[in-house]
Amino acid sequence: MLTALRIGNFKAFAESQRIPVRPLTLIYGANSSGKSSVLHSMILARHAQETGDLDVHRTNVG
């Protein structure tokens, strides 16, 4: 089970940040704070896991 997500050098996350994930996780914050970036990184991670492809420039995911 996924317990945390570490995002860095991805969209709004220049510095690496650890985001804990629980069975119910709320993502909230001010405009342009990175909420969509968190979701996009999770979508990309799932795509990479399912296909083995982590090329963010070729994928049409998200």
PDB file of N, CA and C in Angstrom:
ATOM      1  N   MET A   1       0.841  -1.175   0.000  1.00  0.00           N
ATOM      2  CA  MET A   1       0.000   0.000   0.000  1.00  0.00           C
ATOM      3  C   MET A   1       0.891   1.245   0.000  1.00  0.00           C
ATOM      4  N   LEU A   2       0.480   2.228  -0.747  1.00  0.00           N
ATOM      5  CA  LEU A   2       1.198   3.497  -0.815  1.00  0.00           C
ATOM      6  C   LEU A   2       1.021   4.247   0.503  1.00  0.00           C
ATOM      7  N   THR A   3       2.131   4.625   1.139  1.00  0.00           N
ATOM      8  CA  THR A   3       2.053   5.354   2.409  1.00  0.00           C
ATOM      9  C   THR A   3       2.538   6.788   2.286  1.00  0.00           C
ATOM     10  N   ALA A   4       3.322   7.080   1.249  1.00  0.00           N
ATOM     11  CA  ALA A   4       3.817   8.443   1.048  1.00  0.00           C
ATOM     12  C   ALA A   4       4.213   8.618  -0.408  1.00  0.00           C
ATOM     13  N   LEU A   5       4.232   9.862  -0.818  1.00  0.00           N
ATOM     14  CA  LEU A   5       4.626  10.225  -2.173  1.00  0.00           C
ATOM     15  C   LEU A   5       5.704  11.285  -2.054  1.00  0.00           C
ATOM     16  N   ARG A   6       6.815  11.103  -2.744  1.00  0.00           N
ATOM     17  CA  ARG A   6       7.875  12.106  -2.745  1.00  0.00           C
ATOM     18  C   ARG A   6       7.927  12.712  -4.136  1.00  0.00           C
ATOM     19  N   ILE A   7       7.740  14.026  -4.193  1.00  0.00           N
ATOM     20  CA  ILE A   7       7.711  14.744  -5.466  1.00  0.00           C
ATOM     21  C   ILE A   7       8.819  15.782  -5.460  1.00  0.00           C
ATOM     22  N   GLY A   8       9.574  15.825  -6.526  1.00  0.00           N
ATOM     23  CA  GLY A   8      10.620  16.832  -6.675  1.00  0.00           C
ATOM     24  C   GLY A   8      10.930  17.054  -8.141  1.00  0.00           C
ATOM     25  N   ASN A   9      11.286  18.274  -8.480  1.00  0.00           N
ATOM     26  CA  ASN A   9      11.615  18.636  -9.860  1.00  0.00           C
ATOM     27  C   ASN A   9      10.475  18.272 -10.803  1.00  0.00           C
ATOM     28  N   PHE A  10       9.254  18.539 -10.368  1.00  0.00           N
ATOM     29  CA  PHE A  10       8.065  18.229 -11.158  1.00  0.00           C
ATOM     30  C   PHE A  10       7.073  19.363 -10.997  1.00  0.00           C
ATOM     31  N   LYS A  11       6.819  20.080 -12.069  1.00  0.00           N
ATOM     32  CA  LYS A  11       5.868  21.190 -12.103  1.00  0.00           C
ATOM     33  C   LYS A  11       6.094  22.149 -10.939  1.00  0.00           C
ATOM     34  N   ALA A  12       5.150  22.261 -10.014  1.00  0.00           N
ATOM     35  CA  ALA A  12       5.232  23.237  -8.920  1.00  0.00           C
ATOM     36  C   ALA A  12       6.226  22.838  -7.828  1.00  0.00           C
ATOM     37  N   PHE A  13       6.793  21.636  -7.906  1.00  0.00           N
ATOM     38  CA  PHE A  13       7.673  21.130  -6.856  1.00  0.00           C
ATOM     39  C   PHE A  13       9.130  21.135  -7.311  1.00  0.00           C
ATOM     40  N   ALA A  14       9.797  22.265  -7.175  1.00  0.00           N
ATOM     41  CA  ALA A  14      11.222  22.340  -7.526  1.00  0.00           C
ATOM     42  C   ALA A  14      12.035  21.550  -6.506  1.00  0.00           C
ATOM     43  N   GLU A  15      11.758  21.750  -5.232  1.00  0.00           N
ATOM     44  CA  GLU A  15      12.422  21.014  -4.153  1.00  0.00           C
ATOM     45  C   GLU A  15      11.622  19.755  -3.845  1.00  0.00           C
ATOM     46  N   SER A  16      12.317  18.698  -3.457  1.00  0.00           N
ATOM     47  CA  SER A  16      11.670  17.442  -3.120  1.00  0.00           C
ATOM     48  C   SER A  16      10.848  17.587  -1.841  1.00  0.00           C
ATOM     49  N   GLN A  17       9.619  17.097  -1.887  1.00  0.00           N
ATOM     50  CA  GLN A  17       8.735  17.136  -0.717  1.00  0.00           C
ATOM     51  C   GLN A  17       8.073  15.780  -0.546  1.00  0.00           C
ATOM     52  N   ARG A  18       7.930  15.372   0.710  1.00  0.00           N
ATOM     53  CA  ARG A  18       7.267  14.109   1.041  1.00  0.00           C
ATOM     54  C   ARG A  18       5.828  14.415   1.431  1.00  0.00           C
ATOM     55  N   ILE A  19       4.898  13.704   0.808  1.00  0.00           N
ATOM     56  CA  ILE A  19       3.480  13.895   1.092  1.00  0.00           C
ATOM     57  C   ILE A  19       2.940  12.573   1.626  1.00  0.00           C
ATOM     58  N   PRO A  20       2.546  12.527   2.908  1.00  0.00           N
ATOM     59  CA  PRO A  20       1.982  11.293   3.456  1.00  0.00           C
ATOM     60  C   PRO A  20       0.631  10.989   2.803  1.00  0.00           C
ATOM     61  N   VAL A  21       0.360   9.711   2.587  1.00  0.00           N
ATOM     62  CA  VAL A  21      -0.898   9.283   1.980  1.00  0.00           C
ATOM     63  C   VAL A  21      -1.573   8.315   2.934  1.00  0.00           C
ATOM     64  N   ARG A  22      -2.807   8.573   3.245  1.00  0.00           N
ATOM     65  CA  ARG A  22      -3.606   7.725   4.133  1.00  0.00           C
ATOM     66  C   ARG A  22      -4.812   7.201   3.346  1.00  0.00           C
ATOM     67  N   PRO A  23      -5.616   6.323   3.936  1.00  0.00           N
ATOM     68  CA  PRO A  23      -6.806   5.843   3.227  1.00  0.00           C
ATOM     69  C   PRO A  23      -7.722   6.983   2.764  1.00  0.00           C
ATOM     70  N   LEU A  24      -7.761   8.072   3.517  1.00  0.00           N
ATOM     71  CA  LEU A  24      -8.494   9.266   3.094  1.00  0.00           C
ATOM     72  C   LEU A  24      -7.524  10.436   3.182  1.00  0.00           C
ATOM     73  N   THR A  25      -7.145  10.972   2.042  1.00  0.00           N
ATOM     74  CA  THR A  25      -6.193  12.077   1.987  1.00  0.00           C
ATOM     75  C   THR A  25      -6.840  13.250   1.274  1.00  0.00           C
ATOM     76  N   LEU A  26      -6.883  14.392   1.938  1.00  0.00           N
ATOM     77  CA  LEU A  26      -7.422  15.611   1.337  1.00  0.00           C
ATOM     78  C   LEU A  26      -6.274  16.445   0.796  1.00  0.00           C
ATOM     79  N   ILE A  27      -6.449  16.964  -0.393  1.00  0.00           N
ATOM     80  CA  ILE A  27      -5.448  17.839  -1.003  1.00  0.00           C
ATOM     81  C   ILE A  27      -6.097  19.205  -1.158  1.00  0.00           C
ATOM     82  N   TYR A  28      -5.595  20.162  -0.390  1.00  0.00           N
ATOM     83  CA  TYR A  28      -6.184  21.500  -0.438  1.00  0.00           C
ATOM     84  C   TYR A  28      -5.081  22.534  -0.292  1.00  0.00           C
ATOM     85  N   GLY A  29      -5.382  23.745  -0.695  1.00  0.00           N
ATOM     86  CA  GLY A  29      -4.408  24.825  -0.588  1.00  0.00           C
ATOM     87  C   GLY A  29      -4.806  25.997  -1.456  1.00  0.00           C
ATOM     88  N   ALA A  30      -4.005  27.017  -1.401  1.00  0.00           N
ATOM     89  CA  ALA A  30      -4.259  28.227  -2.179  1.00  0.00           C
ATOM     90  C   ALA A  30      -4.080  27.938  -3.673  1.00  0.00           C
ATOM     91  N   ASN A  31      -4.581  28.849  -4.490  1.00  0.00           N
ATOM     92  CA  ASN A  31      -4.381  28.733  -5.932  1.00  0.00           C
ATOM     93  C   ASN A  31      -2.890  28.676  -6.243  1.00  0.00           C
ATOM     94  N   SER A  32      -2.528  27.870  -7.206  1.00  0.00           N
ATOM     95  CA  SER A  32      -1.135  27.712  -7.664  1.00  0.00           C
ATOM     96  C   SER A  32      -0.201  27.169  -6.587  1.00  0.00           C
ATOM     97  N   SER A  33      -0.731  26.378  -5.657  1.00  0.00           N
ATOM     98  CA  SER A  33       0.115  25.814  -4.599  1.00  0.00           C
ATOM     99  C   SER A  33       0.592  24.402  -4.920  1.00  0.00           C
ATOM    100  N   GLY A  34       0.108  23.805  -6.022  1.00  0.00           N
ATOM    101  CA  GLY A  34       0.594  22.497  -6.431  1.00  0.00           C
ATOM    102  C   GLY A  34      -0.390  21.350  -6.270  1.00  0.00           C
ATOM    103  N   LYS A  35      -1.647  21.641  -6.002  1.00  0.00           N
ATOM    104  CA  LYS A  35      -2.640  20.571  -5.824  1.00  0.00           C
ATOM    105  C   LYS A  35      -2.749  19.699  -7.077  1.00  0.00           C
ATOM    106  N   SER A  36      -2.872  20.319  -8.222  1.00  0.00           N
ATOM    107  CA  SER A  36      -2.967  19.560  -9.476  1.00  0.00           C
ATOM    108  C   SER A  36      -1.667  18.830  -9.777  1.00  0.00           C
ATOM    109  N   SER A  37      -0.547  19.407  -9.402  1.00  0.00           N
ATOM    110  CA  SER A  37       0.746  18.752  -9.620  1.00  0.00           C
ATOM    111  C   SER A  37       0.836  17.453  -8.831  1.00  0.00           C
ATOM    112  N   VAL A  38       0.282  17.427  -7.632  1.00  0.00           N
ATOM    113  CA  VAL A  38       0.261  16.198  -6.831  1.00  0.00           C
ATOM    114  C   VAL A  38      -0.542  15.130  -7.569  1.00  0.00           C
ATOM    115  N   LEU A  39      -1.713  15.495  -8.045  1.00  0.00           N
ATOM    116  CA  LEU A  39      -2.549  14.527  -8.756  1.00  0.00           C
ATOM    117  C   LEU A  39      -1.892  14.072 -10.055  1.00  0.00           C
ATOM    118  N   HIS A  40      -1.300  14.996 -10.801  1.00  0.00           N
ATOM    119  CA  HIS A  40      -0.629  14.628 -12.053  1.00  0.00           C
ATOM    120  C   HIS A  40       0.552  13.695 -11.797  1.00  0.00           C
ATOM    121  N   SER A  41       1.279  13.924 -10.717  1.00  0.00           N
ATOM    122  CA  SER A  41       2.410  13.038 -10.416  1.00  0.00           C
ATOM    123  C   SER A  41       1.922  11.637 -10.064  1.00  0.00           C
ATOM    124  N   MET A  42       0.787  11.545  -9.382  1.00  0.00           N
ATOM    125  CA  MET A  42       0.231  10.232  -9.052  1.00  0.00           C
ATOM    126  C   MET A  42      -0.248   9.510 -10.312  1.00  0.00           C
ATOM    127  N   ILE A  43      -0.860  10.253 -11.231  1.00  0.00           N
ATOM    128  CA  ILE A  43      -1.306   9.662 -12.496  1.00  0.00           C
ATOM    129  C   ILE A  43      -0.104   9.171 -13.297  1.00  0.00           C
ATOM    130  N   LEU A  44       0.942   9.987 -13.353  1.00  0.00           N
ATOM    131  CA  LEU A  44       2.150   9.605 -14.086  1.00  0.00           C
ATOM    132  C   LEU A  44       2.814   8.379 -13.456  1.00  0.00           C
ATOM    133  N   ALA A  45       2.850   8.321 -12.131  1.00  0.00           N
ATOM    134  CA  ALA A  45       3.448   7.173 -11.441  1.00  0.00           C
ATOM    135  C   ALA A  45       2.666   5.896 -11.744  1.00  0.00           C
ATOM    136  N   ARG A  46       1.355   5.996 -11.752  1.00  0.00           N
ATOM    137  CA  ARG A  46       0.539   4.817 -12.063  1.00  0.00           C
ATOM    138  C   ARG A  46       0.766   4.378 -13.512  1.00  0.00           C
ATOM    139  N   HIS A  47       0.825   5.339 -14.415  1.00  0.00           N
ATOM    140  CA  HIS A  47       1.088   5.028 -15.822  1.00  0.00           C
ATOM    141  C   HIS A  47       2.440   4.325 -15.969  1.00  0.00           C
ATOM    142  N   ALA A  48       3.450   4.839 -15.287  1.00  0.00           N
ATOM    143  CA  ALA A  48       4.787   4.246 -15.360  1.00  0.00           C
ATOM    144  C   ALA A  48       4.785   2.827 -14.803  1.00  0.00           C
ATOM    145  N   GLN A  49       4.039   2.616 -13.724  1.00  0.00           N
ATOM    146  CA  GLN A  49       3.970   1.284 -13.124  1.00  0.00           C
ATOM    147  C   GLN A  49       3.275   0.299 -14.063  1.00  0.00           C
ATOM    148  N   GLU A  50       2.204   0.740 -14.707  1.00  0.00           N
ATOM    149  CA  GLU A  50       1.432  -0.157 -15.568  1.00  0.00           C
ATOM    150  C   GLU A  50       2.123  -0.450 -16.897  1.00  0.00           C
ATOM    151  N   THR A  51       2.848   0.530 -17.447  1.00  0.00           N
ATOM    152  CA  THR A  51       3.413   0.376 -18.786  1.00  0.00           C
ATOM    153  C   THR A  51       4.930   0.250 -18.802  1.00  0.00           C
ATOM    154  N   GLY A  52       5.588   0.641 -17.716  1.00  0.00           N
ATOM    155  CA  GLY A  52       7.041   0.659 -17.687  1.00  0.00           C
ATOM    156  C   GLY A  52       7.624   1.864 -18.400  1.00  0.00           C
ATOM    157  N   ASP A  53       6.780   2.795 -18.837  1.00  0.00           N
ATOM    158  CA  ASP A  53       7.204   3.979 -19.592  1.00  0.00           C
ATOM    159  C   ASP A  53       7.137   5.205 -18.698  1.00  0.00           C
ATOM    160  N   LEU A  54       8.290   5.837 -18.465  1.00  0.00           N
ATOM    161  CA  LEU A  54       8.330   7.034 -17.629  1.00  0.00           C
ATOM    162  C   LEU A  54       8.760   8.260 -18.432  1.00  0.00           C
ATOM    163  N   ASP A  55       8.613   8.213 -19.741  1.00  0.00           N
ATOM    164  CA  ASP A  55       8.980   9.351 -20.584  1.00  0.00           C
ATOM    165  C   ASP A  55       7.847  10.376 -20.540  1.00  0.00           C
ATOM    166  N   VAL A  56       8.027  11.435 -19.757  1.00  0.00           N
ATOM    167  CA  VAL A  56       6.970  12.430 -19.575  1.00  0.00           C
ATOM    168  C   VAL A  56       6.740  13.259 -20.828  1.00  0.00           C
ATOM    169  N   HIS A  57       7.658  13.214 -21.773  1.00  0.00           N
ATOM    170  CA  HIS A  57       7.498  13.998 -22.998  1.00  0.00           C
ATOM    171  C   HIS A  57       6.699  13.247 -24.063  1.00  0.00           C
ATOM    172  N   ARG A  58       6.637  11.924 -23.958  1.00  0.00           N
ATOM    173  CA  ARG A  58       5.912  11.130 -24.955  1.00  0.00           C
ATOM    174  C   ARG A  58       4.526  10.721 -24.499  1.00  0.00           C
ATOM    175  N   THR A  59       4.263  10.706 -23.229  1.00  0.00           N
ATOM    176  CA  THR A  59       2.994  10.183 -22.731  1.00  0.00           C
ATOM    177  C   THR A  59       1.862  11.179 -22.955  1.00  0.00           C
ATOM    178  N   ASN A  60       0.660  10.672 -23.125  1.00  0.00           N
ATOM    179  CA  ASN A  60      -0.512  11.534 -23.238  1.00  0.00           C
ATOM    180  C   ASN A  60      -1.379  11.406 -21.991  1.00  0.00           C
ATOM    181  N   VAL A  61      -0.786  10.987 -20.900  1.00  0.00           N
ATOM    182  CA  VAL A  61      -1.490  10.825 -19.629  1.00  0.00           C
ATOM    183  C   VAL A  61      -1.591  12.172 -18.945  1.00  0.00           C
ATOM    184  N   GLY A  62      -2.777  12.477 -18.378  1.00  0.00           N
ATOM    185  CA  GLY A  62      -2.956  13.690 -17.596  1.00  0.00           C
ATOM    186  C   GLY A  62      -3.056  14.886 -18.445  1.00  0.00           C
TER     187      GLY A  62
END
